[in-house]
N, C-alpha and C. Protein backbone atom coordinates (compact mmCIF):
# COMPACT_ATOMS: atom_id res chain seq x y z
N MET A 1 117.32 -92.60 -40.19
CA MET A 1 116.94 -91.81 -39.11
C MET A 1 115.59 -92.33 -38.55
N ASN A 2 115.59 -92.55 -37.22
CA ASN A 2 114.31 -93.15 -36.78
C ASN A 2 113.25 -92.13 -36.70
N SER A 3 111.95 -92.51 -36.57
CA SER A 3 110.78 -91.61 -36.62
C SER A 3 110.56 -90.77 -35.50
N SER A 4 111.10 -91.17 -34.34
CA SER A 4 111.08 -90.21 -33.20
C SER A 4 112.08 -89.01 -33.34
N ILE A 5 113.12 -89.20 -33.93
CA ILE A 5 114.06 -88.04 -34.22
C ILE A 5 113.37 -87.15 -35.36
N LYS A 6 112.71 -87.76 -36.36
CA LYS A 6 111.97 -86.97 -37.40
C LYS A 6 110.90 -86.09 -36.78
N ASN A 7 110.18 -86.81 -35.87
CA ASN A 7 109.05 -85.95 -35.22
C ASN A 7 109.59 -84.88 -34.36
N CYS A 8 110.60 -85.16 -33.69
CA CYS A 8 111.26 -84.08 -32.85
C CYS A 8 111.73 -82.88 -33.79
N ASN A 9 112.39 -83.27 -34.82
CA ASN A 9 112.83 -82.18 -35.83
C ASN A 9 111.63 -81.44 -36.40
N ARG A 10 110.52 -82.06 -36.65
CA ARG A 10 109.39 -81.45 -37.21
C ARG A 10 108.84 -80.49 -36.10
N TRP A 11 108.77 -81.06 -34.90
CA TRP A 11 108.11 -80.29 -33.83
C TRP A 11 109.00 -79.00 -33.60
N PHE A 12 110.38 -79.22 -33.59
CA PHE A 12 111.27 -78.04 -33.35
C PHE A 12 111.11 -76.96 -34.57
N THR A 13 111.01 -77.48 -35.77
CA THR A 13 111.01 -76.53 -36.90
C THR A 13 109.63 -75.81 -36.88
N PHE A 14 108.47 -76.48 -36.54
CA PHE A 14 107.25 -75.87 -36.43
C PHE A 14 107.25 -74.76 -35.37
N HIS A 15 107.71 -75.05 -34.26
CA HIS A 15 107.75 -74.09 -33.18
C HIS A 15 108.69 -72.83 -33.50
N LEU A 16 109.72 -73.19 -34.08
CA LEU A 16 110.72 -72.13 -34.51
C LEU A 16 109.96 -71.26 -35.46
N LEU A 17 109.44 -71.74 -36.44
CA LEU A 17 108.63 -70.95 -37.48
C LEU A 17 107.43 -70.11 -36.77
N LEU A 18 106.90 -70.71 -35.81
CA LEU A 18 105.77 -70.04 -35.11
C LEU A 18 106.33 -68.85 -34.29
N ALA A 19 107.36 -69.11 -33.57
CA ALA A 19 107.97 -68.00 -32.81
C ALA A 19 108.49 -66.97 -33.74
N THR A 20 109.03 -67.23 -34.84
CA THR A 20 109.50 -66.20 -35.71
C THR A 20 108.36 -65.41 -36.23
N ALA A 21 107.19 -66.03 -36.63
CA ALA A 21 106.05 -65.38 -37.29
C ALA A 21 105.49 -64.46 -36.12
N LEU A 22 105.42 -64.84 -34.86
CA LEU A 22 104.85 -64.04 -33.82
C LEU A 22 105.83 -62.85 -33.56
N TRP A 23 107.12 -63.05 -33.51
CA TRP A 23 108.05 -61.96 -33.43
C TRP A 23 107.97 -61.00 -34.44
N ILE A 24 107.75 -61.40 -35.74
CA ILE A 24 107.56 -60.46 -36.82
C ILE A 24 106.28 -59.63 -36.66
N ILE A 25 105.22 -60.27 -36.33
CA ILE A 25 103.90 -59.68 -36.25
C ILE A 25 103.92 -58.67 -35.04
N GLY A 26 104.64 -59.07 -33.96
CA GLY A 26 104.68 -58.18 -32.80
C GLY A 26 105.54 -56.91 -33.12
N CYS A 27 106.58 -57.04 -33.99
CA CYS A 27 107.38 -56.00 -34.27
C CYS A 27 106.77 -55.02 -35.30
N THR A 28 105.73 -55.41 -36.00
CA THR A 28 105.08 -54.60 -37.01
C THR A 28 103.69 -54.06 -36.46
N ALA A 29 103.51 -54.23 -35.12
CA ALA A 29 102.20 -53.63 -34.65
C ALA A 29 102.24 -52.16 -34.69
N PRO A 30 101.02 -51.40 -34.89
CA PRO A 30 101.08 -49.99 -35.09
C PRO A 30 101.59 -49.33 -33.80
N LYS A 31 102.28 -48.31 -34.04
CA LYS A 31 102.78 -47.57 -32.84
C LYS A 31 101.69 -46.47 -32.53
N PRO A 32 101.50 -46.21 -31.20
CA PRO A 32 100.52 -45.32 -30.75
C PRO A 32 100.75 -43.88 -31.43
N ALA A 33 99.62 -43.11 -31.65
CA ALA A 33 99.89 -41.88 -32.21
C ALA A 33 100.75 -40.91 -31.37
N SER A 34 101.68 -40.15 -31.97
CA SER A 34 102.45 -39.34 -31.13
C SER A 34 101.56 -38.01 -30.71
N ASN A 35 102.04 -37.35 -29.71
CA ASN A 35 101.24 -36.31 -29.20
C ASN A 35 101.39 -35.06 -30.01
N PRO A 36 100.43 -34.58 -30.71
CA PRO A 36 100.55 -33.39 -31.59
C PRO A 36 100.89 -32.05 -30.84
N LEU A 37 100.80 -32.11 -29.58
CA LEU A 37 101.02 -30.88 -28.78
C LEU A 37 102.35 -31.00 -28.03
N ALA A 38 103.16 -31.93 -28.41
CA ALA A 38 104.61 -32.13 -27.83
C ALA A 38 105.33 -30.77 -28.10
N GLY A 39 105.90 -30.25 -27.12
CA GLY A 39 106.57 -29.01 -27.29
C GLY A 39 105.78 -27.62 -26.98
N TRP A 40 104.39 -27.83 -27.00
CA TRP A 40 103.51 -26.74 -26.71
C TRP A 40 103.37 -26.59 -25.21
N ASN A 41 103.04 -25.32 -24.77
CA ASN A 41 102.96 -25.12 -23.36
C ASN A 41 101.38 -24.92 -23.04
N TYR A 42 101.19 -25.61 -21.93
CA TYR A 42 99.80 -25.47 -21.37
C TYR A 42 99.63 -23.96 -20.83
N CYS A 43 98.51 -23.40 -21.23
CA CYS A 43 98.20 -22.06 -20.81
C CYS A 43 97.86 -22.01 -19.31
N PHE A 44 98.57 -21.05 -18.52
CA PHE A 44 98.20 -21.07 -17.14
C PHE A 44 96.83 -20.67 -16.85
N SER A 45 96.14 -19.86 -17.66
CA SER A 45 94.81 -19.54 -17.46
C SER A 45 93.99 -20.39 -18.41
N GLN A 46 93.13 -21.21 -17.81
CA GLN A 46 92.28 -22.01 -18.63
C GLN A 46 90.90 -21.46 -18.64
N ASN A 47 90.75 -20.18 -18.25
CA ASN A 47 89.49 -19.38 -18.36
C ASN A 47 89.18 -19.03 -19.77
N PRO A 48 88.05 -19.58 -20.37
CA PRO A 48 87.74 -19.31 -21.80
C PRO A 48 87.53 -17.83 -22.02
N ASP A 49 87.18 -17.05 -20.95
CA ASP A 49 86.95 -15.66 -21.21
C ASP A 49 88.41 -14.91 -21.47
N LYS A 50 89.48 -15.48 -21.15
CA LYS A 50 90.77 -14.85 -21.30
C LYS A 50 91.39 -15.41 -22.64
N ILE A 51 90.72 -16.20 -23.36
CA ILE A 51 91.16 -16.67 -24.64
C ILE A 51 90.63 -15.64 -25.75
N ASP A 52 91.46 -15.37 -26.73
CA ASP A 52 91.00 -14.47 -27.81
C ASP A 52 89.59 -14.84 -28.28
N LYS A 53 88.71 -13.81 -28.49
CA LYS A 53 87.30 -14.03 -28.88
C LYS A 53 87.27 -14.88 -30.21
N ALA A 54 88.22 -14.60 -31.15
CA ALA A 54 88.06 -15.36 -32.38
C ALA A 54 88.28 -16.91 -32.12
N ILE A 55 89.28 -17.18 -31.24
CA ILE A 55 89.46 -18.58 -31.01
C ILE A 55 88.37 -19.21 -30.15
N ARG A 56 87.88 -18.49 -29.23
CA ARG A 56 86.74 -18.87 -28.39
C ARG A 56 85.54 -19.21 -29.24
N ASN A 57 85.21 -18.26 -30.09
CA ASN A 57 84.06 -18.44 -31.01
C ASN A 57 84.18 -19.60 -31.89
N ASP A 58 85.38 -19.80 -32.43
CA ASP A 58 85.70 -20.89 -33.37
C ASP A 58 85.63 -22.30 -32.73
N TYR A 59 86.19 -22.42 -31.53
CA TYR A 59 86.21 -23.81 -31.00
C TYR A 59 84.80 -24.08 -30.51
N GLN A 60 84.03 -23.08 -30.00
CA GLN A 60 82.59 -23.29 -29.64
C GLN A 60 81.75 -23.67 -30.83
N ASP A 61 82.06 -23.04 -31.95
CA ASP A 61 81.29 -23.43 -33.25
C ASP A 61 81.69 -24.84 -33.62
N TYR A 62 82.98 -25.15 -33.55
CA TYR A 62 83.42 -26.58 -33.83
C TYR A 62 82.64 -27.49 -33.05
N ILE A 63 82.46 -27.27 -31.75
CA ILE A 63 81.76 -28.20 -30.88
C ILE A 63 80.25 -28.30 -31.38
N GLN A 64 79.69 -27.15 -31.63
CA GLN A 64 78.32 -27.22 -32.05
C GLN A 64 78.12 -27.97 -33.34
N LYS A 65 79.08 -28.00 -34.21
CA LYS A 65 79.03 -28.76 -35.43
C LYS A 65 79.30 -30.22 -35.37
N LEU A 66 79.67 -30.70 -34.30
CA LEU A 66 79.97 -32.12 -34.08
C LEU A 66 78.69 -32.83 -34.05
N PRO A 67 78.61 -34.12 -34.50
CA PRO A 67 77.34 -34.89 -34.46
C PRO A 67 76.76 -34.92 -32.99
N SER A 68 75.52 -34.88 -32.92
CA SER A 68 74.88 -34.69 -31.54
C SER A 68 75.31 -35.83 -30.60
N GLU A 69 75.41 -37.06 -31.13
CA GLU A 69 75.86 -38.08 -30.18
C GLU A 69 77.29 -37.98 -29.67
N VAL A 70 78.09 -37.25 -30.38
CA VAL A 70 79.55 -36.96 -29.92
C VAL A 70 79.54 -35.68 -29.02
N ARG A 71 78.78 -34.60 -29.45
CA ARG A 71 78.68 -33.37 -28.76
C ARG A 71 78.07 -33.54 -27.37
N TYR A 72 77.26 -34.58 -27.21
CA TYR A 72 76.66 -34.82 -25.87
C TYR A 72 77.64 -35.11 -24.77
N TYR A 73 78.82 -35.71 -25.21
CA TYR A 73 79.86 -36.06 -24.19
C TYR A 73 80.92 -35.04 -24.02
N VAL A 74 80.88 -33.99 -24.75
CA VAL A 74 81.92 -32.94 -24.56
C VAL A 74 82.09 -32.45 -23.03
N PRO A 75 80.84 -32.27 -22.39
CA PRO A 75 81.09 -31.76 -20.93
C PRO A 75 81.71 -32.72 -19.99
N GLY A 76 81.67 -34.05 -20.40
CA GLY A 76 82.29 -35.04 -19.58
C GLY A 76 83.83 -35.11 -19.79
N GLY A 77 84.35 -34.42 -20.68
CA GLY A 77 85.79 -34.41 -21.02
C GLY A 77 86.51 -33.07 -20.49
N GLY A 78 87.17 -32.49 -21.35
CA GLY A 78 87.74 -31.26 -20.94
C GLY A 78 88.22 -30.41 -22.20
N ILE A 79 88.35 -29.07 -21.95
CA ILE A 79 88.78 -28.24 -22.96
C ILE A 79 90.01 -27.59 -22.38
N ASN A 80 91.18 -27.67 -23.06
CA ASN A 80 92.49 -27.13 -22.55
C ASN A 80 93.02 -26.31 -23.72
N PHE A 81 93.74 -25.22 -23.25
CA PHE A 81 94.40 -24.24 -24.11
C PHE A 81 95.87 -24.40 -24.08
N PHE A 82 96.43 -24.17 -25.22
CA PHE A 82 98.01 -24.30 -25.41
C PHE A 82 98.50 -23.14 -26.20
N GLU A 83 99.74 -22.84 -26.07
CA GLU A 83 100.53 -21.91 -26.87
C GLU A 83 101.86 -22.46 -27.10
N ASP A 84 102.42 -21.94 -28.27
CA ASP A 84 103.71 -22.48 -28.54
C ASP A 84 104.85 -21.47 -28.37
N GLY A 85 104.65 -20.47 -27.91
CA GLY A 85 105.61 -19.31 -27.57
C GLY A 85 105.93 -18.47 -28.86
N THR A 86 105.36 -18.77 -30.04
CA THR A 86 105.59 -17.89 -31.18
C THR A 86 104.29 -17.14 -31.57
N GLY A 87 103.26 -17.15 -30.67
CA GLY A 87 102.01 -16.53 -31.00
C GLY A 87 100.89 -17.38 -31.43
N GLN A 88 101.29 -18.66 -31.63
CA GLN A 88 100.24 -19.66 -32.15
C GLN A 88 99.54 -20.33 -30.90
N HIS A 89 98.32 -20.76 -31.22
CA HIS A 89 97.62 -21.32 -30.12
C HIS A 89 97.00 -22.70 -30.53
N ALA A 90 96.50 -23.41 -29.60
CA ALA A 90 95.83 -24.67 -29.78
C ALA A 90 94.83 -24.92 -28.83
N VAL A 91 93.65 -25.61 -29.11
CA VAL A 91 92.64 -25.92 -28.19
C VAL A 91 92.53 -27.48 -28.28
N LYS A 92 92.51 -28.14 -27.29
CA LYS A 92 92.35 -29.57 -27.22
C LYS A 92 91.05 -29.91 -26.57
N ILE A 93 90.23 -30.53 -27.30
CA ILE A 93 88.86 -30.95 -26.70
C ILE A 93 88.86 -32.39 -26.55
N GLU A 94 88.73 -32.86 -25.33
CA GLU A 94 88.84 -34.32 -24.98
C GLU A 94 87.44 -34.82 -24.73
N ILE A 95 87.05 -35.87 -25.53
CA ILE A 95 85.65 -36.25 -25.53
C ILE A 95 85.66 -37.76 -25.15
N PRO A 96 85.11 -38.15 -23.93
CA PRO A 96 85.05 -39.50 -23.56
C PRO A 96 83.82 -40.24 -24.29
N LEU A 97 84.13 -41.16 -25.11
CA LEU A 97 83.11 -41.75 -25.95
C LEU A 97 83.42 -43.24 -26.04
N HIS A 98 82.52 -44.16 -25.54
CA HIS A 98 82.55 -45.44 -25.62
C HIS A 98 83.83 -46.12 -25.17
N GLY A 99 84.38 -45.61 -24.06
CA GLY A 99 85.58 -46.20 -23.46
C GLY A 99 86.81 -45.60 -24.08
N VAL A 100 86.85 -44.72 -24.87
CA VAL A 100 87.95 -44.09 -25.55
C VAL A 100 87.83 -42.63 -25.52
N TYR A 101 89.11 -41.88 -25.13
CA TYR A 101 89.07 -40.51 -25.17
C TYR A 101 89.38 -40.07 -26.63
N SER A 102 88.42 -39.45 -27.21
CA SER A 102 88.69 -38.82 -28.54
C SER A 102 89.22 -37.45 -28.33
N GLU A 103 90.52 -37.16 -28.92
CA GLU A 103 91.13 -35.91 -28.69
C GLU A 103 90.96 -35.22 -29.98
N HIS A 104 90.45 -33.91 -30.04
CA HIS A 104 90.29 -33.05 -31.12
C HIS A 104 91.20 -31.91 -30.82
N VAL A 105 92.19 -31.63 -31.65
CA VAL A 105 93.16 -30.61 -31.39
C VAL A 105 92.99 -29.61 -32.51
N LEU A 106 92.57 -28.35 -32.27
CA LEU A 106 92.46 -27.22 -33.18
C LEU A 106 93.60 -26.41 -33.12
N PHE A 107 94.31 -26.14 -34.13
CA PHE A 107 95.52 -25.19 -34.21
C PHE A 107 95.25 -23.92 -34.87
N TYR A 108 95.69 -22.88 -34.29
CA TYR A 108 95.48 -21.51 -34.79
C TYR A 108 96.76 -20.80 -35.04
N ASP A 109 96.83 -20.03 -36.13
CA ASP A 109 97.97 -19.32 -36.44
C ASP A 109 97.96 -18.02 -35.62
N LYS A 110 99.01 -17.17 -35.97
CA LYS A 110 99.24 -15.94 -35.18
C LYS A 110 98.15 -14.94 -35.28
N GLU A 111 97.28 -15.08 -36.26
CA GLU A 111 96.08 -14.14 -36.51
C GLU A 111 94.84 -14.88 -35.86
N ASN A 112 95.04 -15.90 -35.14
CA ASN A 112 94.01 -16.64 -34.53
C ASN A 112 92.92 -17.20 -35.49
N LYS A 113 93.45 -17.61 -36.54
CA LYS A 113 92.60 -18.38 -37.63
C LYS A 113 93.03 -19.93 -37.52
N ARG A 114 91.89 -20.68 -37.56
CA ARG A 114 92.20 -22.07 -37.44
C ARG A 114 92.95 -22.65 -38.66
N VAL A 115 94.09 -23.35 -38.56
CA VAL A 115 94.80 -23.85 -39.75
C VAL A 115 94.87 -25.36 -39.82
N LYS A 116 94.52 -26.01 -38.70
CA LYS A 116 94.55 -27.48 -38.82
C LYS A 116 93.75 -28.06 -37.70
N VAL A 117 93.20 -29.24 -37.89
CA VAL A 117 92.65 -30.11 -36.94
C VAL A 117 93.10 -31.43 -36.98
N ILE A 118 93.60 -31.93 -35.81
CA ILE A 118 93.97 -33.37 -35.64
C ILE A 118 93.07 -33.98 -34.60
N ILE A 119 92.54 -35.15 -35.03
CA ILE A 119 91.77 -35.99 -34.20
C ILE A 119 92.44 -37.35 -33.97
N TYR A 120 92.59 -37.78 -32.74
CA TYR A 120 93.27 -39.05 -32.53
C TYR A 120 92.71 -39.64 -31.21
N SER A 121 92.98 -40.92 -31.01
CA SER A 121 92.54 -41.64 -29.78
C SER A 121 93.55 -41.26 -28.65
N GLY A 122 93.15 -40.64 -27.58
CA GLY A 122 94.01 -40.37 -26.58
C GLY A 122 94.18 -41.36 -25.37
N GLY A 123 93.52 -42.48 -25.59
CA GLY A 123 93.68 -43.61 -24.59
C GLY A 123 92.24 -44.05 -24.23
N ARG A 124 92.32 -45.04 -23.34
CA ARG A 124 91.12 -45.72 -23.01
C ARG A 124 90.65 -45.32 -21.49
N TYR A 125 89.44 -45.51 -21.14
CA TYR A 125 89.11 -45.40 -19.82
C TYR A 125 88.08 -46.42 -19.36
N ALA A 126 87.84 -46.68 -18.13
CA ALA A 126 86.89 -47.70 -17.65
C ALA A 126 85.49 -47.08 -17.59
N SER A 127 84.52 -47.62 -18.22
CA SER A 127 83.25 -47.00 -18.11
C SER A 127 82.37 -47.72 -17.09
């Protein structure tokens, strides 16, 4: 076999292995976080005064306990209220911080006691 055919075979094998490695790496990339509020209903009234006082006091306390460098950006985001139709509620606090929306979702049971908090990256924005 002459050397040009050997070089061609090596070139082909190298690129085939490289393409396979890139395909495998691309297929194992992390998937974006799923929306923890999927299936929940956005509350028509977003007036905090119409939210149960226990929930209102709790989410406001949660915000006050955030580190000051995070709490500073809360007014630049949004606070939204959700319900699931079974008497449970959720509050989503969106905080724009360093080009990423940090989503804090507080979940409440039927007695309006916080039962879970999920924090995830909700996407990027141009600063």
